[in-house]
Protein backbone atom coordinates (compact mmCIF):
# COMPACT_ATOMS: atom_id res chain seq x y z
CA MET A 1 0.18 -0.15 -0.08
CA VAL A 2 1.04 3.73 -0.49
CA SER A 3 2.08 6.00 2.12
CA ASN A 4 -0.21 7.95 4.71
CA LYS A 5 0.03 10.87 1.92
CA TYR A 6 -2.81 8.32 0.51
CA PRO A 7 -6.05 8.04 1.85
CA THR A 8 -6.61 4.84 3.03
CA ALA A 9 -10.03 3.14 2.84
CA ILE A 10 -10.83 3.53 6.67
CA THR A 11 -10.22 7.66 5.68
CA LEU A 12 -12.86 7.05 3.19
CA MET A 13 -15.14 5.56 5.08
CA SER A 14 -15.27 8.22 7.91
CA HIS A 15 -15.27 10.70 5.30
CA LYS A 16 -18.41 9.23 3.76
CA ALA A 17 -20.13 9.28 7.15
CA LYS A 18 -19.52 12.93 7.63
CA SER A 19 -20.30 14.44 4.12
CA SER A 20 -22.83 14.06 1.80
CA SER A 21 -22.91 11.54 -1.05
CA GLY A 22 -21.54 14.15 -3.84
CA ASN A 23 -18.45 15.02 -1.27
CA PHE A 24 -17.56 10.96 -0.44
CA ARG A 25 -17.70 10.83 -4.72
CA ALA A 26 -15.32 13.31 -5.08
CA ALA A 27 -13.00 11.51 -2.49
CA TYR A 28 -13.61 8.41 -4.04
CA GLU A 29 -12.66 9.55 -7.41
CA GLN A 30 -9.66 11.24 -6.17
CA TYR A 31 -8.16 8.38 -4.56
CA ASN A 32 -9.02 6.08 -7.82
CA GLU A 33 -7.06 8.59 -9.42
CA LEU A 34 -4.23 8.28 -6.83
CA TYR A 35 -4.15 4.30 -6.95
CA GLU A 36 -3.80 4.62 -10.71
CA ILE A 37 -0.90 7.08 -10.47
CA LYS A 38 0.74 4.34 -7.81
CA TYR A 39 -0.31 1.21 -10.53
CA GLU A 40 1.34 2.80 -13.38
CA ILE A 41 4.98 4.36 -11.20
CA TYR A 42 5.12 0.57 -10.55
CA ASN A 43 4.40 -0.59 -14.05
CA SER A 44 7.04 1.84 -14.91
CA ILE A 45 9.28 0.48 -12.70
CA ALA A 46 8.84 -2.93 -13.62
CA GLU A 47 9.33 -2.39 -17.38
CA ASN A 48 12.30 -0.04 -16.10
CA ASP A 49 10.46 2.93 -18.19
CA ILE A 50 12.16 5.74 -17.63
CA GLN A 51 10.43 8.31 -18.95
CA SER A 52 7.20 7.55 -17.87
CA PHE A 53 9.07 7.10 -14.36
CA ILE A 54 10.17 10.52 -14.69
CA SER A 55 7.06 12.02 -15.63
CA HIS A 56 5.40 10.51 -12.48
CA SER A 57 7.97 12.27 -10.15
CA LEU A 58 7.53 15.67 -11.62
CA ASN A 59 3.58 15.40 -10.46
CA GLU A 60 3.29 17.41 -7.33
CA THR A 61 1.75 14.44 -5.12
CA PHE A 62 4.78 12.00 -6.42
CA ASP A 63 6.77 10.91 -3.10
CA PRO A 64 9.81 8.95 -3.58
CA PHE A 65 9.58 7.65 -0.13
CA GLN A 66 6.14 5.98 -0.88
CA THR A 67 5.55 2.10 -0.14
CA ILE A 68 4.20 -0.46 -2.63
CA GLU A 69 2.64 -3.37 -1.36
CA ASN A 70 4.46 -6.64 -3.03
CA ASN A 71 3.12 -10.05 -3.39
CA PHE A 72 6.73 -11.84 -3.85
CA GLY A 73 6.10 -13.67 -0.62
CA PHE A 74 9.47 -13.08 0.74
CA ASP A 75 8.15 -10.97 3.60
CA ASP A 76 4.80 -9.06 4.81
CA GLU A 77 6.60 -5.36 4.54
CA ASP A 78 5.75 -3.14 1.43
CA ASP A 79 8.81 -2.41 -0.68
CA THR A 80 10.17 1.27 -1.01
CA LEU A 81 10.59 2.64 -5.07
CA LEU A 82 14.51 1.84 -4.98
CA GLU A 83 13.66 -1.86 -3.58
CA LEU A 84 11.62 -2.56 -6.30
CA CYS A 85 13.93 -1.32 -9.04
CA CYS A 86 16.79 -3.73 -7.45
CA TYR A 87 13.69 -6.66 -7.75
CA TYR A 88 13.06 -5.84 -11.77
CA GLY A 89 16.47 -5.07 -12.58
CA ALA A 90 15.43 -1.79 -13.47
CA ILE A 91 18.78 0.32 -13.74
CA ASP A 92 17.77 3.60 -15.24
CA CYS A 93 15.20 4.46 -12.54
CA PHE A 94 17.13 2.73 -9.96
CA ASN A 95 19.81 5.36 -10.87
CA PHE A 96 17.47 8.27 -11.62
CA LEU A 97 16.18 8.10 -7.74
CA ARG A 98 19.41 7.63 -5.95
CA THR A 99 20.91 10.90 -8.09
CA LYS A 100 17.91 12.86 -7.98
CA PHE A 101 16.67 11.68 -4.57
CA LYS A 102 19.82 10.42 -2.83
CA LEU A 103 17.65 7.29 -1.58
CA ASN A 104 19.36 5.64 0.69
CA ILE A 105 20.19 1.52 -0.78
CA THR A 106 18.75 -0.85 2.18
CA ASN A 107 19.66 -4.56 2.78
CA LYS A 108 16.64 -5.57 0.94
CA CYS A 109 17.93 -3.95 -2.17
CA LEU A 110 20.86 -5.86 -1.69
CA LYS A 111 18.77 -9.25 -1.70
CA TYR A 112 16.60 -8.36 -4.04
CA SER A 113 20.04 -7.68 -6.75
CA PHE A 114 20.39 -11.14 -6.61
CA LEU A 115 17.55 -11.85 -7.34
CA SER A 116 17.11 -9.85 -10.46
CA GLY A 117 20.78 -10.75 -11.51
CA VAL A 118 21.77 -7.48 -12.51
CA PRO A 119 25.65 -6.94 -12.03
CA TYR A 120 25.57 -2.91 -11.85
CA ILE A 121 22.68 -2.70 -9.24
CA MET A 122 24.33 -5.27 -7.10
CA ASN A 123 27.78 -3.90 -7.37
CA GLU A 124 26.39 -0.51 -6.14
CA CYS A 125 24.26 -2.36 -3.24
CA LEU A 126 27.29 -4.30 -2.20
CA LYS A 127 29.21 -1.20 -1.58
CA TYR A 128 26.84 0.04 0.94
CA GLN A 129 25.50 -3.41 2.33
CA LYS A 130 27.12 -6.84 3.63
CA PRO A 131 25.49 -9.89 2.01
CA ASP A 132 23.97 -12.53 4.22
CA ASP A 133 22.29 -15.98 4.29
CA GLU A 134 19.22 -14.11 2.71
CA CYS A 135 21.51 -12.94 -0.24
CA MET A 136 22.90 -17.08 -0.33
CA GLU A 137 18.75 -17.67 -0.71
CA PHE A 138 18.19 -15.09 -3.23
CA ALA A 139 21.19 -16.19 -5.43
CA ILE A 140 20.07 -19.67 -5.28
CA ALA A 141 16.18 -18.61 -6.32
CA SER A 142 17.54 -16.65 -9.26
CA HIS A 143 19.69 -20.14 -10.40
CA ASN A 144 22.41 -18.03 -11.31
CA ILE A 145 25.96 -20.43 -10.25
CA ASP A 146 28.08 -17.49 -10.47
CA PHE A 147 26.40 -15.75 -7.72
CA VAL A 148 26.21 -18.59 -5.74
CA CYS A 149 30.25 -19.22 -6.06
CA PHE A 150 30.62 -15.51 -5.41
CA LEU A 151 28.87 -15.09 -2.25
CA HIS A 152 30.47 -18.13 -1.25
CA ASN A 153 34.06 -17.70 -2.20
CA GLU A 154 33.98 -13.82 -1.12
CA TYR A 155 31.92 -13.74 1.82
CA ASP A 156 32.22 -17.26 3.40
CA ILE A 157 28.54 -17.63 3.02
CA LYS A 158 27.54 -21.39 2.91
CA ILE A 159 25.72 -22.91 0.87
CA ASN A 160 21.80 -24.05 2.19
CA LEU A 161 20.67 -27.26 1.01
CA ASP A 162 17.20 -26.40 1.97
CA PHE A 163 17.15 -23.73 -0.67
CA CYS A 164 18.63 -25.63 -2.91
CA TYR A 165 15.56 -28.18 -2.55
CA LYS A 166 13.29 -25.42 -2.39
CA TYR A 167 14.12 -23.82 -5.58
CA TYR A 168 15.41 -26.81 -7.04
CA ASN A 169 18.83 -25.37 -7.88
CA LEU A 170 20.75 -29.20 -8.83
CA PRO A 171 23.99 -26.73 -9.89
CA ALA A 172 23.86 -25.22 -6.12
CA PHE A 173 23.28 -28.66 -4.76
CA PHE A 174 26.45 -30.44 -7.06
CA VAL A 175 28.52 -27.35 -5.73
CA TYR A 176 27.75 -28.03 -2.20
CA PHE A 177 29.18 -31.43 -2.25
CA ASP A 178 32.03 -30.80 -4.47
CA LEU A 179 33.11 -28.72 -1.54
CA SER A 180 31.99 -30.86 0.92
CA LYS A 181 32.54 -34.37 -0.21
CA ASP A 182 30.12 -36.07 1.65
CA TYR A 183 28.79 -38.66 -0.27
CA ASN A 184 26.22 -39.61 2.84
CA GLN A 185 25.10 -36.18 3.01
CA MET A 186 24.28 -36.24 -0.52
CA PHE A 187 23.06 -39.20 -0.90
CA LEU A 188 20.19 -37.78 2.09
CA SER A 189 19.53 -34.34 0.41
CA SER A 190 19.39 -35.76 -3.07
CA GLN A 191 16.00 -37.18 -1.84
CA HIS A 192 14.09 -34.15 -2.85
CA PHE A 193 15.60 -33.97 -6.47
CA ASN A 194 13.52 -37.31 -7.40
CA LEU A 195 16.17 -38.18 -9.32
CA SER A 196 16.67 -42.17 -9.41
CA LEU A 197 20.28 -41.38 -11.37
CA ILE A 198 22.20 -39.36 -8.62
CA TRP A 199 20.76 -42.21 -6.19
CA GLU A 200 22.35 -45.14 -8.42
CA TYR A 201 25.84 -42.95 -8.69
CA LEU A 202 25.98 -42.29 -4.97
CA LEU A 203 25.08 -45.97 -3.95
CA ALA A 204 28.15 -47.25 -6.70
CA ASN A 205 30.86 -44.84 -5.20
CA GLY A 206 30.33 -46.06 -1.62
CA VAL A 207 27.81 -44.57 0.15
CA ASP A 208 26.34 -46.68 3.53
CA ILE A 209 22.06 -46.74 2.41
CA ASN A 210 21.57 -47.90 6.61
CA LYS A 211 23.53 -44.64 7.66
CA THR A 212 21.49 -42.78 10.28
CA TYR A 213 21.52 -38.63 10.79
CA GLU A 214 19.96 -36.69 13.29
CA ASN A 215 17.57 -38.39 15.69
CA ASN A 216 18.87 -41.72 14.43
CA GLU A 217 17.04 -41.12 11.70
CA ASN A 218 18.18 -43.53 8.36
CA ALA A 219 17.11 -42.33 5.11
CA LEU A 220 13.63 -44.09 5.14
CA HIS A 221 12.65 -42.25 8.20
CA ILE A 222 13.26 -39.12 6.22
CA ALA A 223 11.42 -40.18 3.26
CA ALA A 224 8.42 -41.46 5.59
CA LYS A 225 8.40 -38.11 7.46
CA GLU A 226 8.59 -36.27 4.12
CA ASN A 227 6.14 -38.20 2.06
CA LEU A 228 8.38 -39.22 -0.64
CA LEU A 229 7.26 -42.34 -2.17
CA ARG A 230 9.60 -42.83 -5.10
CA PHE A 231 12.68 -42.41 -2.89
CA ALA A 232 11.10 -44.65 -0.25
CA LYS A 233 10.39 -47.22 -3.13
CA PHE A 234 14.39 -46.89 -4.14
CA LEU A 235 15.59 -47.52 -0.69
CA ILE A 236 13.43 -50.85 -0.14
CA ALA A 237 14.39 -52.00 -3.09
CA LYS A 238 17.71 -51.38 -2.79
CA GLY A 239 17.81 -53.09 0.66
CA ILE A 240 17.59 -50.72 3.74
CA ASN A 241 16.66 -51.53 6.93
CA THR A 242 13.12 -51.22 7.32
CA LYS A 243 13.46 -52.18 11.50
CA SER A 244 15.51 -49.45 11.86
CA ILE A 245 14.07 -46.76 14.46
CA ASP A 246 15.06 -43.57 15.82
CA ILE A 247 15.45 -41.94 18.96
CA TYR A 248 12.09 -42.58 20.01
CA GLY A 249 11.81 -45.89 19.03
CA ASN A 250 9.54 -45.28 15.94
CA THR A 251 10.28 -47.27 12.54
CA ALA A 252 9.42 -45.96 9.17
CA LEU A 253 6.00 -46.97 9.25
CA HIS A 254 5.05 -45.51 12.74
CA LEU A 255 5.73 -41.88 11.05
CA SER A 256 3.47 -43.04 7.92
CA VAL A 257 0.81 -44.05 10.39
CA LYS A 258 1.29 -41.10 12.53
CA LYS A 259 1.51 -38.21 9.64
CA ASN A 260 -1.63 -40.53 8.17
CA LEU A 261 0.32 -41.15 4.88
CA PHE A 262 -1.60 -44.16 3.53
CA GLU A 263 0.22 -44.13 0.50
CA MET A 264 3.90 -44.66 2.28
CA ALA A 265 2.58 -47.16 4.78
CA LYS A 266 1.61 -49.45 1.83
CA VAL A 267 5.25 -49.16 0.35
CA ILE A 268 6.43 -49.65 3.59
CA LEU A 269 4.60 -52.62 4.22
CA SER A 270 6.36 -54.14 1.30
CA ASP A 271 8.11 -55.59 4.31
CA SER A 272 5.49 -56.88 6.72
CA SER A 273 7.51 -57.94 9.25
CA ILE A 274 8.08 -54.87 10.67
CA ILE A 275 3.48 -54.79 11.09
CA ASN A 276 3.77 -55.32 14.83
CA MET A 277 7.06 -53.55 16.31
CA LYS A 278 6.68 -51.22 19.05
CA ASN A 279 7.71 -47.81 19.36
CA GLY A 280 9.16 -45.59 22.59
CA ASP A 281 5.50 -45.79 23.24
CA THR A 282 5.16 -49.02 23.16
CA ASN A 283 2.30 -48.39 20.59
CA THR A 284 1.96 -50.39 17.51
CA ALA A 285 1.33 -49.02 13.97
CA ALA A 286 -2.40 -50.30 14.85
CA HIS A 287 -2.49 -48.89 18.09
CA GLN A 288 -1.53 -45.19 16.60
CA SER A 289 -3.82 -45.98 13.57
CA VAL A 290 -6.35 -46.21 16.27
CA ILE A 291 -5.55 -42.88 18.08
CA ASN A 292 -5.25 -41.36 15.06
CA LYS A 293 -8.77 -42.16 14.12
CA ASN A 294 -7.48 -43.38 10.60
CA PHE A 295 -9.97 -46.42 9.85
CA PRO A 296 -8.64 -46.98 6.47
CA MET A 297 -5.01 -47.27 7.65
CA LEU A 298 -6.09 -49.32 10.17
CA LYS A 299 -7.69 -51.70 7.76
CA LEU A 300 -4.78 -51.57 5.93
CA LEU A 301 -2.67 -52.63 8.72
CA ILE A 302 -4.95 -55.57 9.61
CA GLU A 303 -4.92 -56.65 5.65
CA HIS A 304 -0.65 -57.16 6.46
CA GLY A 305 -1.21 -58.99 9.16
CA ALA A 306 -1.58 -56.74 12.61
CA ASP A 307 -1.93 -58.27 15.84
CA LEU A 308 -4.66 -56.49 17.03
CA ASN A 309 -4.38 -58.05 20.74
CA GLU A 310 -0.81 -56.65 21.24
CA HIS A 311 -0.67 -54.73 24.36
CA ASN A 312 1.01 -51.75 24.80
CA ARG A 313 3.33 -51.37 28.15
CA PHE A 314 2.19 -48.20 29.71
CA PHE A 315 -1.56 -49.51 30.27
CA GLY A 316 -1.66 -52.58 28.54
CA TYR A 317 -3.54 -51.64 26.01
CA THR A 318 -4.60 -53.48 22.61
CA VAL A 319 -6.63 -51.55 20.20
CA LEU A 320 -9.91 -52.46 21.48
CA HIS A 321 -8.98 -50.26 24.75
CA LEU A 322 -7.90 -47.43 22.65
CA ALA A 323 -11.00 -47.34 20.43
CA VAL A 324 -12.93 -46.96 23.69
CA THR A 325 -10.42 -44.42 25.28
CA HIS A 326 -10.08 -42.44 22.08
CA LYS A 327 -14.14 -42.25 21.49
CA ARG A 328 -13.70 -44.11 17.79
CA GLU A 329 -16.84 -45.48 17.92
CA LYS A 330 -16.96 -46.36 13.82
CA ILE A 331 -13.71 -48.45 14.98
CA LEU A 332 -15.03 -50.07 17.48
CA GLU A 333 -17.94 -51.38 15.82
CA TYR A 334 -15.68 -52.99 13.09
CA LEU A 335 -13.11 -54.64 15.35
CA VAL A 336 -15.98 -56.33 17.46
CA THR A 337 -17.31 -57.94 14.72
CA LEU A 338 -13.41 -59.27 14.53
CA ALA A 339 -13.82 -61.16 17.65
CA PRO A 340 -14.48 -64.81 17.67
CA CYS A 341 -17.81 -64.62 19.33
CA PHE A 342 -19.43 -62.72 16.87
CA LYS A 343 -22.65 -63.74 15.68
CA ASN A 344 -24.86 -62.22 12.77
CA ASN A 345 -26.31 -58.78 13.60
CA SER A 346 -26.63 -55.50 11.62
CA LEU A 347 -22.98 -55.17 11.55
CA GLU A 348 -22.06 -58.15 9.99
CA LYS A 349 -23.78 -57.11 6.48
CA GLU A 350 -21.80 -53.17 6.89
CA PHE A 351 -18.75 -55.31 7.48
CA LYS A 352 -19.26 -58.58 5.40
CA ASP A 353 -16.31 -58.95 3.34
CA ASP A 354 -13.93 -57.95 6.16
CA VAL A 355 -15.16 -60.34 8.80
CA ASN A 356 -14.83 -63.02 5.92
CA ASN A 357 -11.51 -61.97 4.85
CA HIS A 358 -9.63 -61.15 8.22
CA ALA A 359 -11.76 -63.60 10.46
CA SER A 360 -8.52 -65.34 11.36
CA THR A 361 -6.93 -62.22 12.72
CA GLY A 362 -8.88 -62.22 15.55
CA VAL A 363 -10.15 -59.66 18.07
CA ASP A 364 -9.95 -60.90 22.06
CA ILE A 365 -13.08 -58.86 22.94
CA ASN A 366 -12.26 -59.60 26.50
CA SER A 367 -8.71 -58.82 26.55
CA ARG A 368 -7.39 -56.74 29.76
CA ASP A 369 -5.09 -53.90 30.63
CA ASN A 370 -2.21 -53.63 33.15
CA ASP A 371 -5.25 -53.03 35.62
CA GLY A 372 -6.84 -56.20 34.80
CA LYS A 373 -9.84 -53.74 33.04
CA THR A 374 -11.32 -55.03 29.79
CA ALA A 375 -12.86 -52.48 27.29
CA LEU A 376 -16.34 -52.71 29.23
CA HIS A 377 -14.58 -51.61 32.35
CA ILE A 378 -12.68 -48.39 30.48
CA ALA A 379 -16.39 -47.65 28.39
CA VAL A 380 -17.86 -47.59 32.23
CA GLU A 381 -15.10 -45.54 33.57
CA ASN A 382 -15.44 -42.76 31.14
CA ASN A 383 -19.35 -42.99 30.87
CA ARG A 384 -19.82 -44.21 27.73
CA PHE A 385 -23.07 -45.87 26.92
CA ARG A 386 -22.99 -46.62 23.20
CA PHE A 387 -19.24 -47.93 23.91
CA ALA A 388 -20.75 -50.25 26.48
CA GLU A 389 -23.76 -51.10 24.65
CA ILE A 390 -21.59 -52.32 21.43
CA LEU A 391 -19.29 -54.12 23.64
CA ILE A 392 -22.10 -55.97 25.42
CA SER A 393 -24.46 -56.60 22.54
CA HIS A 394 -21.20 -58.51 21.03
CA GLY A 395 -20.29 -61.13 23.49
CA ILE A 396 -18.30 -59.43 26.32
CA ASP A 397 -17.64 -60.75 29.58
CA ILE A 398 -19.98 -59.02 31.33
CA ASP A 399 -19.14 -60.38 34.55
CA ALA A 400 -15.53 -59.77 34.51
CA THR A 401 -13.20 -58.07 37.01
CA ASP A 402 -10.08 -56.16 37.30
CA LYS A 403 -7.26 -56.62 39.60
CA ASN A 404 -9.42 -55.18 42.40
CA GLY A 405 -12.40 -57.57 41.74
CA ASN A 406 -14.71 -55.26 40.70
CA THR A 407 -17.18 -55.83 37.31
CA ALA A 408 -18.32 -52.58 35.43
CA LEU A 409 -20.98 -52.76 37.47
CA HIS A 410 -19.00 -51.80 40.74
CA THR A 411 -17.70 -49.13 38.43
CA ALA A 412 -20.55 -47.81 37.33
CA VAL A 413 -21.89 -47.37 40.53
CA SER A 414 -18.89 -45.08 41.60
CA LYS A 415 -19.46 -43.29 38.53
CA GLU A 416 -23.28 -43.09 39.42
CA ASN A 417 -24.22 -43.45 35.77
CA ILE A 418 -27.75 -44.20 36.12
CA GLN A 419 -28.03 -45.69 32.84
CA ILE A 420 -25.30 -47.78 32.19
CA VAL A 421 -26.15 -49.67 35.95
CA LYS A 422 -29.20 -50.28 33.85
CA LEU A 423 -27.89 -51.49 31.00
CA LEU A 424 -25.68 -54.06 32.61
CA ILE A 425 -28.52 -55.37 34.92
CA SER A 426 -30.54 -55.77 31.87
CA TYR A 427 -28.16 -57.57 30.23
CA GLY A 428 -27.98 -59.90 33.08
CA ILE A 429 -24.80 -58.71 34.69
CA ASP A 430 -24.18 -60.64 38.70
CA ILE A 431 -25.66 -58.00 40.29
CA ASP A 432 -24.02 -59.61 44.08
CA ALA A 433 -20.91 -60.10 42.78
CA THR A 434 -17.68 -59.32 45.19
CA ASP A 435 -14.63 -57.25 44.86
CA LYS A 436 -11.55 -58.37 46.66
CA ASN A 437 -12.61 -56.65 49.83
CA GLY A 438 -15.99 -58.74 49.13
CA ASN A 439 -18.29 -55.70 48.64
CA THR A 440 -21.09 -56.00 46.22
CA ALA A 441 -22.60 -53.15 44.00
CA LEU A 442 -25.13 -52.90 46.96
CA HIS A 443 -22.19 -51.78 49.56
CA ALA A 444 -20.57 -49.49 47.43
CA ALA A 445 -23.62 -47.70 46.54
CA SER A 446 -24.27 -47.64 50.38
CA ILE A 447 -20.44 -46.18 51.36
CA SER A 448 -20.82 -43.67 48.57
CA ASN A 449 -24.16 -42.96 49.82
CA ARG A 450 -25.82 -43.19 45.71
CA ILE A 451 -29.76 -43.33 46.90
CA GLU A 452 -30.96 -43.85 43.60
CA VAL A 453 -28.51 -46.60 42.29
CA MET A 454 -29.24 -48.08 45.78
CA GLU A 455 -32.93 -48.32 44.93
CA ILE A 456 -32.32 -49.34 41.27
CA LEU A 457 -29.87 -52.42 42.94
CA LEU A 458 -32.24 -53.65 45.40
CA SER A 459 -35.35 -53.50 43.20
CA HIS A 460 -33.74 -56.26 40.96
CA GLY A 461 -32.99 -58.06 43.89
CA ALA A 462 -29.60 -57.66 45.25
CA ASN A 463 -28.83 -59.01 48.26
CA VAL A 464 -29.61 -56.08 51.16
CA ASN A 465 -28.10 -58.81 53.59
CA SER A 466 -24.96 -59.65 51.92
CA LYS A 467 -21.44 -59.30 53.74
CA ASN A 468 -17.85 -58.26 53.05
CA LYS A 469 -15.14 -59.73 54.14
CA GLU A 470 -15.28 -57.72 57.60
CA GLY A 471 -18.69 -59.26 58.14
CA ASN A 472 -20.38 -55.96 57.28
CA ASN A 473 -23.47 -55.37 55.21
CA PRO A 474 -24.95 -52.28 53.45
CA LEU A 475 -27.05 -50.75 56.32
CA GLN A 476 -23.97 -50.95 58.41
CA TYR A 477 -22.26 -48.96 56.47
CA ALA A 478 -24.90 -46.39 56.41
CA LEU A 479 -25.71 -45.88 59.56
CA SER A 480 -21.64 -45.44 60.30
CA SER A 481 -22.06 -42.74 57.56
CA ILE A 482 -25.56 -41.30 59.15
CA ASN A 483 -26.47 -41.79 56.11
CA VAL A 484 -30.90 -42.33 57.20
CA LYS A 485 -32.35 -41.99 54.01
CA ALA A 486 -29.89 -45.00 52.64
CA ALA A 487 -30.87 -47.00 55.93
CA LYS A 488 -34.34 -46.82 55.93
CA LEU A 489 -34.21 -47.66 51.97
CA LEU A 490 -32.31 -50.92 53.11
CA ILE A 491 -34.69 -51.42 56.03
CA SER A 492 -37.20 -50.88 53.60
CA TYR A 493 -36.50 -53.76 51.38
CA GLY A 494 -35.91 -56.20 54.72
CA ALA A 495 -32.57 -55.33 55.81
CA ASN A 496 -31.73 -57.63 58.99
CA LEU A 497 -31.69 -55.31 61.97
CA LYS A 498 -30.09 -58.13 64.58
CA GLU A 499 -26.76 -57.90 62.71
CA LEU A 500 -23.88 -57.09 65.15
CA PHE A 501 -21.18 -54.67 64.04
CA GLU A 502 -17.40 -56.00 64.15
CA ASP A 503 -17.32 -54.24 67.62
CA GLY A 504 -20.04 -56.38 68.81
CA SER A 505 -22.81 -53.06 68.92
CA THR A 506 -26.27 -53.39 67.55
CA ILE A 507 -27.93 -51.43 65.09
CA LEU A 508 -29.94 -49.69 67.95
CA LEU A 509 -26.41 -48.49 69.61
CA LYS A 510 -25.16 -47.01 66.42
CA THR A 511 -28.38 -45.15 65.83
CA LEU A 512 -28.33 -44.05 69.13
CA GLN A 513 -24.63 -42.80 68.49
CA THR A 514 -25.98 -40.75 65.57
CA ASP A 515 -28.52 -38.78 68.36
CA ASN A 516 -31.08 -38.99 65.33
CA GLU A 517 -34.36 -39.02 66.90
CA ASP A 518 -35.92 -39.19 63.57
CA PHE A 519 -34.47 -42.21 62.70
CA LEU A 520 -34.62 -43.93 66.18
CA LEU A 521 -38.35 -43.67 65.91
CA TYR A 522 -38.06 -44.57 62.79
CA LEU A 523 -35.98 -47.78 63.58
CA LEU A 524 -37.95 -48.65 66.95
CA ARG A 525 -41.52 -49.47 64.23
CA HIS A 526 -39.46 -52.15 62.42
CA TYR A 527 -37.71 -53.20 65.57
CA ASP A 528 -38.44 -54.68 68.68
CA PHE A 529 -35.36 -53.67 71.05
CA ASN A 530 -37.34 -54.84 74.25
CA SER A 531 -36.40 -58.82 73.00
CA ASN A 532 -32.69 -57.78 72.82
CA TYR A 533 -30.66 -57.66 76.16
CA ASN A 534 -28.23 -55.64 75.15
CA ASP A 535 -30.27 -53.17 73.55
CA LYS A 536 -32.57 -52.98 77.13
CA ALA A 537 -29.03 -52.09 78.77
CA TYR A 538 -27.67 -49.45 76.15
CA LEU A 539 -30.71 -47.53 76.23
CA GLN A 540 -30.42 -47.99 80.44
CA TYR A 541 -27.08 -46.76 80.06
CA ALA A 542 -27.67 -43.76 77.98
CA LYS A 543 -30.26 -42.85 80.07
CA GLN A 544 -28.45 -42.79 83.24
CA ASN A 545 -25.34 -40.99 82.07
CA LYS A 546 -27.80 -38.76 80.00
CA LYS A 547 -25.24 -39.26 77.10
CA TYR A 548 -28.11 -39.47 74.11
CA LYS A 549 -31.13 -37.20 74.34
CA ALA A 550 -32.27 -39.52 71.65
CA SER A 551 -32.88 -42.22 74.44
CA GLN A 552 -34.76 -40.21 77.05
CA MET A 553 -37.45 -40.66 74.24
CA ALA A 554 -37.02 -44.20 73.52
CA LEU A 555 -36.55 -45.84 76.37
CA TYR A 556 -38.97 -48.86 76.49
CA MET A 557 -41.07 -47.19 73.74
CA ASP A 558 -43.38 -50.04 71.95
CA LYS A 559 -45.41 -48.90 69.12
CA LEU A 560 -48.24 -47.80 71.33
CA THR A 561 -45.91 -45.33 73.18
CA ILE A 562 -44.79 -44.02 70.07
CA THR A 563 -48.33 -43.30 68.16
CA ILE A 564 -49.08 -41.69 71.85
CA TYR A 565 -45.77 -39.72 71.97
CA LEU A 566 -46.42 -38.38 68.43
CA ILE A 567 -50.20 -37.45 69.21
CA LEU A 568 -49.01 -35.35 72.23
CA ASN A 569 -45.94 -33.62 70.55
CA PHE A 570 -48.30 -32.57 67.95
CA ILE A 571 -50.85 -31.33 70.49
CA MET A 572 -47.84 -29.23 72.39
CA ILE A 573 -47.12 -27.42 69.02
CA ILE A 574 -50.71 -26.60 68.61
CA GLU A 575 -51.28 -25.10 72.21
CA TYR A 576 -48.00 -23.39 71.33
CA LEU A 577 -49.08 -21.71 68.71
CA ILE A 578 -52.25 -20.51 69.78
CA VAL A 579 -50.21 -18.74 72.74
CA LEU A 580 -48.45 -16.94 70.50
CA PHE A 581 -51.03 -16.12 68.25
CA LEU A 582 -53.08 -14.93 71.35
CA PHE A 583 -49.26 -12.81 72.74
CA LYS A 584 -49.25 -11.04 69.35
CA SER A 585 -52.98 -9.71 69.36
């Protein structure tokens, strides 16, 4: 864009808002005229039309310091008129600006002079600026080998191979290696030029095809990362070690899968012996394809014999675990069709050919990770109902336990996922299965105060009096945590009120210790404490020591006494309200 001497679009819009349409039209026409002048100046420089350029310079609006936007792609800065002269090699315009306006030569002038290739302009610029690496880039881009050699010989500026690839400058490439004599590096770098004659020549002259470079990568690693298919095919045909790993444990196959380079993976898989190698993360290529959500890549790997039951080391995950962990529903639907227990259903039709072709590959749907968890455990842990449904409906062992003895139901209860709890029960999971501590799902729900879950479990037949290895039932846990609502629910489903706690205390004593009058009344409606000598003793002791206020009300109360107490209590409240009303009146 031009300098601020010219109106900007924002200026014009502001002017429009403050003036009449007629004034705006005049401003717009003025701007349009200035834009045309700018374009004509630009064109004069591009064609080195000195007469036209001088004519523009005589205009009173001419600004020798103006800048013009360029589309050269080298940087985001606008160019001065002198810099444009250097870019286009406009000698006459260059000299005119220098002599008439005394414009300074910038570093960009020097860089552009190597690109345009006009020796006179270059020599003038070298009087005021010292060349740098960017000048070498422009010299390589210009494909002028004399300039490249000049910068190297006179200013000791190294030839950058990246620029040789970028601008496809083979002469500069050969000059570099004539100077360095490093044929191994030359072989690696030559892949970008896609010329097999060079590769053949270098191999014939002693290049080590298996040499490793930065990060312990060999040429195939680099070809895979940069998706150089022809070079990769050449390397494999010449016997490069496809099992070579970089410092991260990656083979070239791992890299192609990570970058989702399907065709490159196909080329590398011409040696299928590497299919199940693990990288530093202990993932196979199949693991990586699932992580990347690359379904076609996974199918390609399966076609070449990928072991779908390989475990990674950190978590012990198979592809099935990863499909659930990373929410790869489509991949999971495909994998379950490869399980031996798979039977005809809606998915068989969709993946019929794959099931027939790869039935021997097999997916162990019940495979476990390092914690003994199946994919179902993982699905439940992450509250993924659809994934759990797919696994269960395709034959996963619904009662499988992890290293702590937890079934998927224990996990669903801990997550309080009502939907999954109902799903598991509907498929017939063992509702009373115990973990390593002997806790059922009902124990877990009671311990964590999951009232709604408890009600679902009890309504589907969970054993309300089941004891764990410590001899405790769910009611005892509810009372220990003063969970009155849970305790009432358990009692309503037949919880045994005569069970003793581990310390020998009864339900009544624990209730007294909670000092909860409401629950004590509820308990006394369901439990004849007069039949238990210990309970009578507890109440008597509590009364004598005035330790529990609830005991004063509860001692020797039967159901009739409780009813009378409630009626009298209600009458007292009414009397109190009447007195309060009269007092206020």
